[in-house]
Structure formats: C-alpha cells, structure tokens
Amino acid sequence: MTPREQQVAELVADGLSNKDIAAQLMIAQRTAEAHIGHILTKLDFTTRVQLAAWFIEQRESRDR
C-alpha cells in the first residue's frame, strides 16, 4: 500500500466520508474514491467496514 493509501485507510478507519477525506487531504472526492477502490482491491475486501476493521487491527498490533 502506498503512503497515500495508508493515509486514506486511516481516515476511513476514523469514520470519515469520501467527501471529508478529500477535504482533509486536499484532493478531489473522486481521487479519494479511487484510492479507496485501489485499497479494497489490494486487500481483497469489498466494503469500507472490512478496511476499517483491518486498519484498526493493524494499528493495535503495531502499538503493542
């Protein structure tokens, strides 16, 4: 996952909408949507919920 995709994944895990992610990262909403699509494909997920749960699990493992 690219550094930008990691940023987007974190914001998804934080519960932000595509519009809010775009605003926070100063990118187009469509670009945020594309990043999320790429992340879901790379991780073989189909929903943002799966992505959020995975990211939170990764963050907790890293913090141990």
PDB file of N, CA and C in Angstrom:
ATOM      1  N   MET A   1       0.847  -1.168   0.000  1.00  0.00           N
ATOM      2  CA  MET A   1       0.000   0.000   0.000  1.00  0.00           C
ATOM      3  C   MET A   1       0.898   1.239   0.000  1.00  0.00           C
ATOM      4  N   THR A   2       0.526   2.205  -0.805  1.00  0.00           N
ATOM      5  CA  THR A   2       1.317   3.431  -0.878  1.00  0.00           C
ATOM      6  C   THR A   2       1.111   4.269   0.386  1.00  0.00           C
ATOM      7  N   PRO A   3       2.028   5.203   0.656  1.00  0.00           N
ATOM      8  CA  PRO A   3       1.829   6.082   1.813  1.00  0.00           C
ATOM      9  C   PRO A   3       0.489   6.835   1.762  1.00  0.00           C
ATOM     10  N   ARG A   4       0.088   7.282   0.590  1.00  0.00           N
ATOM     11  CA  ARG A   4      -1.190   7.995   0.469  1.00  0.00           C
ATOM     12  C   ARG A   4      -2.352   7.058   0.761  1.00  0.00           C
ATOM     13  N   GLU A   5      -2.272   5.841   0.257  1.00  0.00           N
ATOM     14  CA  GLU A   5      -3.318   4.866   0.541  1.00  0.00           C
ATOM     15  C   GLU A   5      -3.393   4.569   2.035  1.00  0.00           C
ATOM     16  N   GLN A   6      -2.256   4.548   2.708  1.00  0.00           N
ATOM     17  CA  GLN A   6      -2.260   4.356   4.158  1.00  0.00           C
ATOM     18  C   GLN A   6      -2.980   5.510   4.853  1.00  0.00           C
ATOM     19  N   GLN A   7      -2.732   6.725   4.379  1.00  0.00           N
ATOM     20  CA  GLN A   7      -3.428   7.886   4.950  1.00  0.00           C
ATOM     21  C   GLN A   7      -4.928   7.749   4.752  1.00  0.00           C
ATOM     22  N   VAL A   8      -5.325   7.379   3.562  1.00  0.00           N
ATOM     23  CA  VAL A   8      -6.752   7.228   3.248  1.00  0.00           C
ATOM     24  C   VAL A   8      -7.359   6.117   4.090  1.00  0.00           C
ATOM     25  N   ALA A   9      -6.671   4.996   4.217  1.00  0.00           N
ATOM     26  CA  ALA A   9      -7.175   3.885   5.023  1.00  0.00           C
ATOM     27  C   ALA A   9      -7.381   4.319   6.474  1.00  0.00           C
ATOM     28  N   GLU A  10      -6.454   5.094   6.997  1.00  0.00           N
ATOM     29  CA  GLU A  10      -6.592   5.582   8.370  1.00  0.00           C
ATOM     30  C   GLU A  10      -7.826   6.471   8.514  1.00  0.00           C
ATOM     31  N   LEU A  11      -8.063   7.326   7.543  1.00  0.00           N
ATOM     32  CA  LEU A  11      -9.218   8.212   7.606  1.00  0.00           C
ATOM     33  C   LEU A  11     -10.527   7.437   7.461  1.00  0.00           C
ATOM     34  N   VAL A  12     -10.514   6.391   6.648  1.00  0.00           N
ATOM     35  CA  VAL A  12     -11.689   5.513   6.565  1.00  0.00           C
ATOM     36  C   VAL A  12     -11.934   4.873   7.925  1.00  0.00           C
ATOM     37  N   ALA A  13     -10.872   4.381   8.557  1.00  0.00           N
ATOM     38  CA  ALA A  13     -10.993   3.762   9.876  1.00  0.00           C
ATOM     39  C   ALA A  13     -11.480   4.751  10.925  1.00  0.00           C
ATOM     40  N   ASP A  14     -11.163   6.013  10.730  1.00  0.00           N
ATOM     41  CA  ASP A  14     -11.628   7.061  11.643  1.00  0.00           C
ATOM     42  C   ASP A  14     -13.076   7.454  11.388  1.00  0.00           C
ATOM     43  N   GLY A  15     -13.679   6.877  10.348  1.00  0.00           N
ATOM     44  CA  GLY A  15     -15.092   7.096  10.082  1.00  0.00           C
ATOM     45  C   GLY A  15     -15.405   8.250   9.146  1.00  0.00           C
ATOM     46  N   LEU A  16     -14.404   8.788   8.470  1.00  0.00           N
ATOM     47  CA  LEU A  16     -14.645   9.910   7.573  1.00  0.00           C
ATOM     48  C   LEU A  16     -15.294   9.454   6.274  1.00  0.00           C
ATOM     49  N   SER A  17     -16.125  10.308   5.731  1.00  0.00           N
ATOM     50  CA  SER A  17     -16.741  10.063   4.425  1.00  0.00           C
ATOM     51  C   SER A  17     -15.730  10.370   3.323  1.00  0.00           C
ATOM     52  N   ASN A  18     -16.049   9.954   2.109  1.00  0.00           N
ATOM     53  CA  ASN A  18     -15.177  10.265   0.979  1.00  0.00           C
ATOM     54  C   ASN A  18     -14.997  11.771   0.840  1.00  0.00           C
ATOM     55  N   LYS A  19     -16.071  12.505   1.019  1.00  0.00           N
ATOM     56  CA  LYS A  19     -16.023  13.972   0.910  1.00  0.00           C
ATOM     57  C   LYS A  19     -15.089  14.552   1.973  1.00  0.00           C
ATOM     58  N   ASP A  20     -15.192  14.046   3.205  1.00  0.00           N
ATOM     59  CA  ASP A  20     -14.346  14.542   4.292  1.00  0.00           C
ATOM     60  C   ASP A  20     -12.885  14.141   4.103  1.00  0.00           C
ATOM     61  N   ILE A  21     -12.662  12.943   3.588  1.00  0.00           N
ATOM     62  CA  ILE A  21     -11.294  12.503   3.293  1.00  0.00           C
ATOM     63  C   ILE A  21     -10.681  13.421   2.250  1.00  0.00           C
ATOM     64  N   ALA A  22     -11.432  13.701   1.209  1.00  0.00           N
ATOM     65  CA  ALA A  22     -10.945  14.583   0.147  1.00  0.00           C
ATOM     66  C   ALA A  22     -10.601  15.959   0.698  1.00  0.00           C
ATOM     67  N   ALA A  23     -11.464  16.497   1.535  1.00  0.00           N
ATOM     68  CA  ALA A  23     -11.220  17.824   2.101  1.00  0.00           C
ATOM     69  C   ALA A  23      -9.976  17.817   2.987  1.00  0.00           C
ATOM     70  N   GLN A  24      -9.839  16.805   3.823  1.00  0.00           N
ATOM     71  CA  GLN A  24      -8.700  16.739   4.736  1.00  0.00           C
ATOM     72  C   GLN A  24      -7.381  16.608   3.982  1.00  0.00           C
ATOM     73  N   LEU A  25      -7.375  15.824   2.902  1.00  0.00           N
ATOM     74  CA  LEU A  25      -6.137  15.597   2.144  1.00  0.00           C
ATOM     75  C   LEU A  25      -5.966  16.584   0.990  1.00  0.00           C
ATOM     76  N   MET A  26      -6.947  17.467   0.833  1.00  0.00           N
ATOM     77  CA  MET A  26      -6.931  18.471  -0.246  1.00  0.00           C
ATOM     78  C   MET A  26      -6.795  17.812  -1.618  1.00  0.00           C
ATOM     79  N   ILE A  27      -7.644  16.814  -1.838  1.00  0.00           N
ATOM     80  CA  ILE A  27      -7.716  16.125  -3.125  1.00  0.00           C
ATOM     81  C   ILE A  27      -9.181  16.114  -3.561  1.00  0.00           C
ATOM     82  N   ALA A  28      -9.418  15.767  -4.804  1.00  0.00           N
ATOM     83  CA  ALA A  28     -10.788  15.666  -5.303  1.00  0.00           C
ATOM     84  C   ALA A  28     -11.479  14.464  -4.656  1.00  0.00           C
ATOM     85  N   GLN A  29     -12.789  14.583  -4.490  1.00  0.00           N
ATOM     86  CA  GLN A  29     -13.546  13.476  -3.918  1.00  0.00           C
ATOM     87  C   GLN A  29     -13.379  12.218  -4.769  1.00  0.00           C
ATOM     88  N   ARG A  30     -13.374  12.383  -6.067  1.00  0.00           N
ATOM     89  CA  ARG A  30     -13.199  11.240  -6.969  1.00  0.00           C
ATOM     90  C   ARG A  30     -11.843  10.570  -6.755  1.00  0.00           C
ATOM     91  N   THR A  31     -10.821  11.362  -6.451  1.00  0.00           N
ATOM     92  CA  THR A  31      -9.492  10.800  -6.168  1.00  0.00           C
ATOM     93  C   THR A  31      -9.524   9.982  -4.882  1.00  0.00           C
ATOM     94  N   ALA A  32     -10.212  10.484  -3.872  1.00  0.00           N
ATOM     95  CA  ALA A  32     -10.364   9.733  -2.621  1.00  0.00           C
ATOM     96  C   ALA A  32     -11.068   8.413  -2.895  1.00  0.00           C
ATOM     97  N   GLU A  33     -12.122   8.463  -3.693  1.00  0.00           N
ATOM     98  CA  GLU A  33     -12.862   7.253  -4.045  1.00  0.00           C
ATOM     99  C   GLU A  33     -11.961   6.257  -4.780  1.00  0.00           C
ATOM    100  N   ALA A  34     -11.119   6.772  -5.665  1.00  0.00           N
ATOM    101  CA  ALA A  34     -10.205   5.906  -6.412  1.00  0.00           C
ATOM    102  C   ALA A  34      -9.198   5.247  -5.474  1.00  0.00           C
ATOM    103  N   HIS A  35      -8.657   6.019  -4.534  1.00  0.00           N
ATOM    104  CA  HIS A  35      -7.720   5.449  -3.561  1.00  0.00           C
ATOM    105  C   HIS A  35      -8.389   4.327  -2.777  1.00  0.00           C
ATOM    106  N   ILE A  36      -9.617   4.564  -2.326  1.00  0.00           N
ATOM    107  CA  ILE A  36     -10.332   3.547  -1.562  1.00  0.00           C
ATOM    108  C   ILE A  36     -10.552   2.302  -2.416  1.00  0.00           C
ATOM    109  N   GLY A  37     -10.930   2.493  -3.658  1.00  0.00           N
ATOM    110  CA  GLY A  37     -11.109   1.358  -4.562  1.00  0.00           C
ATOM    111  C   GLY A  37      -9.840   0.549  -4.731  1.00  0.00           C
ATOM    112  N   HIS A  38      -8.701   1.245  -4.872  1.00  0.00           N
ATOM    113  CA  HIS A  38      -7.423   0.550  -5.020  1.00  0.00           C
ATOM    114  C   HIS A  38      -7.072  -0.236  -3.758  1.00  0.00           C
ATOM    115  N   ILE A  39      -7.321   0.382  -2.616  1.00  0.00           N
ATOM    116  CA  ILE A  39      -7.026  -0.290  -1.347  1.00  0.00           C
ATOM    117  C   ILE A  39      -7.884  -1.549  -1.211  1.00  0.00           C
ATOM    118  N   LEU A  40      -9.181  -1.422  -1.478  1.00  0.00           N
ATOM    119  CA  LEU A  40     -10.077  -2.567  -1.359  1.00  0.00           C
ATOM    120  C   LEU A  40      -9.627  -3.702  -2.279  1.00  0.00           C
ATOM    121  N   THR A  41      -9.217  -3.353  -3.490  1.00  0.00           N
ATOM    122  CA  THR A  41      -8.745  -4.366  -4.442  1.00  0.00           C
ATOM    123  C   THR A  41      -7.476  -5.040  -3.934  1.00  0.00           C
ATOM    124  N   LYS A  42      -6.519  -4.236  -3.467  1.00  0.00           N
ATOM    125  CA  LYS A  42      -5.254  -4.790  -2.993  1.00  0.00           C
ATOM    126  C   LYS A  42      -5.452  -5.749  -1.827  1.00  0.00           C
ATOM    127  N   LEU A  43      -6.395  -5.418  -0.947  1.00  0.00           N
ATOM    128  CA  LEU A  43      -6.612  -6.235   0.240  1.00  0.00           C
ATOM    129  C   LEU A  43      -7.688  -7.297   0.035  1.00  0.00           C
ATOM    130  N   ASP A  44      -8.261  -7.331  -1.154  1.00  0.00           N
ATOM    131  CA  ASP A  44      -9.333  -8.276  -1.489  1.00  0.00           C
ATOM    132  C   ASP A  44     -10.542  -8.109  -0.562  1.00  0.00           C
ATOM    133  N   PHE A  45     -10.880  -6.843  -0.283  1.00  0.00           N
ATOM    134  CA  PHE A  45     -12.050  -6.503   0.517  1.00  0.00           C
ATOM    135  C   PHE A  45     -13.130  -5.953  -0.400  1.00  0.00           C
ATOM    136  N   THR A  46     -14.354  -5.966   0.089  1.00  0.00           N
ATOM    137  CA  THR A  46     -15.465  -5.426  -0.703  1.00  0.00           C
ATOM    138  C   THR A  46     -16.138  -4.234  -0.041  1.00  0.00           C
ATOM    139  N   THR A  47     -15.837  -4.003   1.243  1.00  0.00           N
ATOM    140  CA  THR A  47     -16.507  -2.897   1.937  1.00  0.00           C
ATOM    141  C   THR A  47     -15.518  -2.053   2.732  1.00  0.00           C
ATOM    142  N   ARG A  48     -15.935  -0.819   2.984  1.00  0.00           N
ATOM    143  CA  ARG A  48     -15.157   0.094   3.821  1.00  0.00           C
ATOM    144  C   ARG A  48     -15.070  -0.437   5.252  1.00  0.00           C
ATOM    145  N   VAL A  49     -16.103  -1.135   5.687  1.00  0.00           N
ATOM    146  CA  VAL A  49     -16.114  -1.681   7.049  1.00  0.00           C
ATOM    147  C   VAL A  49     -14.982  -2.695   7.211  1.00  0.00           C
ATOM    148  N   GLN A  50     -14.791  -3.547   6.216  1.00  0.00           N
ATOM    149  CA  GLN A  50     -13.684  -4.506   6.260  1.00  0.00           C
ATOM    150  C   GLN A  50     -12.352  -3.768   6.330  1.00  0.00           C
ATOM    151  N   LEU A  51     -12.219  -2.728   5.527  1.00  0.00           N
ATOM    152  CA  LEU A  51     -10.991  -1.930   5.516  1.00  0.00           C
ATOM    153  C   LEU A  51     -10.760  -1.296   6.880  1.00  0.00           C
ATOM    154  N   ALA A  52     -11.791  -0.691   7.446  1.00  0.00           N
ATOM    155  CA  ALA A  52     -11.657  -0.030   8.743  1.00  0.00           C
ATOM    156  C   ALA A  52     -11.258  -1.029   9.824  1.00  0.00           C
ATOM    157  N   ALA A  53     -11.915  -2.181   9.849  1.00  0.00           N
ATOM    158  CA  ALA A  53     -11.601  -3.196  10.854  1.00  0.00           C
ATOM    159  C   ALA A  53     -10.160  -3.680  10.696  1.00  0.00           C
ATOM    160  N   TRP A  54      -9.741  -3.907   9.464  1.00  0.00           N
ATOM    161  CA  TRP A  54      -8.372  -4.350   9.200  1.00  0.00           C
ATOM    162  C   TRP A  54      -7.367  -3.299   9.658  1.00  0.00           C
ATOM    163  N   PHE A  55      -7.625  -2.043   9.329  1.00  0.00           N
ATOM    164  CA  PHE A  55      -6.693  -0.980   9.692  1.00  0.00           C
ATOM    165  C   PHE A  55      -6.578  -0.863  11.205  1.00  0.00           C
ATOM    166  N   ILE A  56      -7.696  -0.899  11.897  1.00  0.00           N
ATOM    167  CA  ILE A  56      -7.682  -0.794  13.361  1.00  0.00           C
ATOM    168  C   ILE A  56      -6.906  -1.958  13.967  1.00  0.00           C
ATOM    169  N   GLU A  57      -7.113  -3.153  13.422  1.00  0.00           N
ATOM    170  CA  GLU A  57      -6.371  -4.324  13.903  1.00  0.00           C
ATOM    171  C   GLU A  57      -4.875  -4.149  13.685  1.00  0.00           C
ATOM    172  N   GLN A  58      -4.493  -3.643  12.516  1.00  0.00           N
ATOM    173  CA  GLN A  58      -3.078  -3.406  12.212  1.00  0.00           C
ATOM    174  C   GLN A  58      -2.490  -2.374  13.163  1.00  0.00           C
ATOM    175  N   ARG A  59      -3.224  -1.314  13.423  1.00  0.00           N
ATOM    176  CA  ARG A  59      -2.757  -0.244  14.305  1.00  0.00           C
ATOM    177  C   ARG A  59      -2.581  -0.780  15.722  1.00  0.00           C
ATOM    178  N   GLU A  60      -3.516  -1.591  16.180  1.00  0.00           N
ATOM    179  CA  GLU A  60      -3.412  -2.163  17.535  1.00  0.00           C
ATOM    180  C   GLU A  60      -2.234  -3.124  17.633  1.00  0.00           C
ATOM    181  N   SER A  61      -2.013  -3.918  16.610  1.00  0.00           N
ATOM    182  CA  SER A  61      -0.870  -4.836  16.608  1.00  0.00           C
ATOM    183  C   SER A  61       0.447  -4.067  16.640  1.00  0.00           C
ATOM    184  N   ARG A  62       0.500  -2.982  15.906  1.00  0.00           N
ATOM    185  CA  ARG A  62       1.705  -2.152  15.815  1.00  0.00           C
ATOM    186  C   ARG A  62       1.988  -1.466  17.156  1.00  0.00           C
ATOM    187  N   ASP A  63       0.927  -1.113  17.888  1.00  0.00           N
ATOM    188  CA  ASP A  63       1.075  -0.377  19.150  1.00  0.00           C
ATOM    189  C   ASP A  63       1.429  -1.282  20.335  1.00  0.00           C
ATOM    190  N   ARG A  64       1.373  -2.573  20.152  1.00  0.00           N
ATOM    191  CA  ARG A  64       1.682  -3.497  21.266  1.00  0.00           C
ATOM    192  C   ARG A  64       3.144  -3.539  21.564  1.00  0.00           C
TER     193      ARG A  64
END
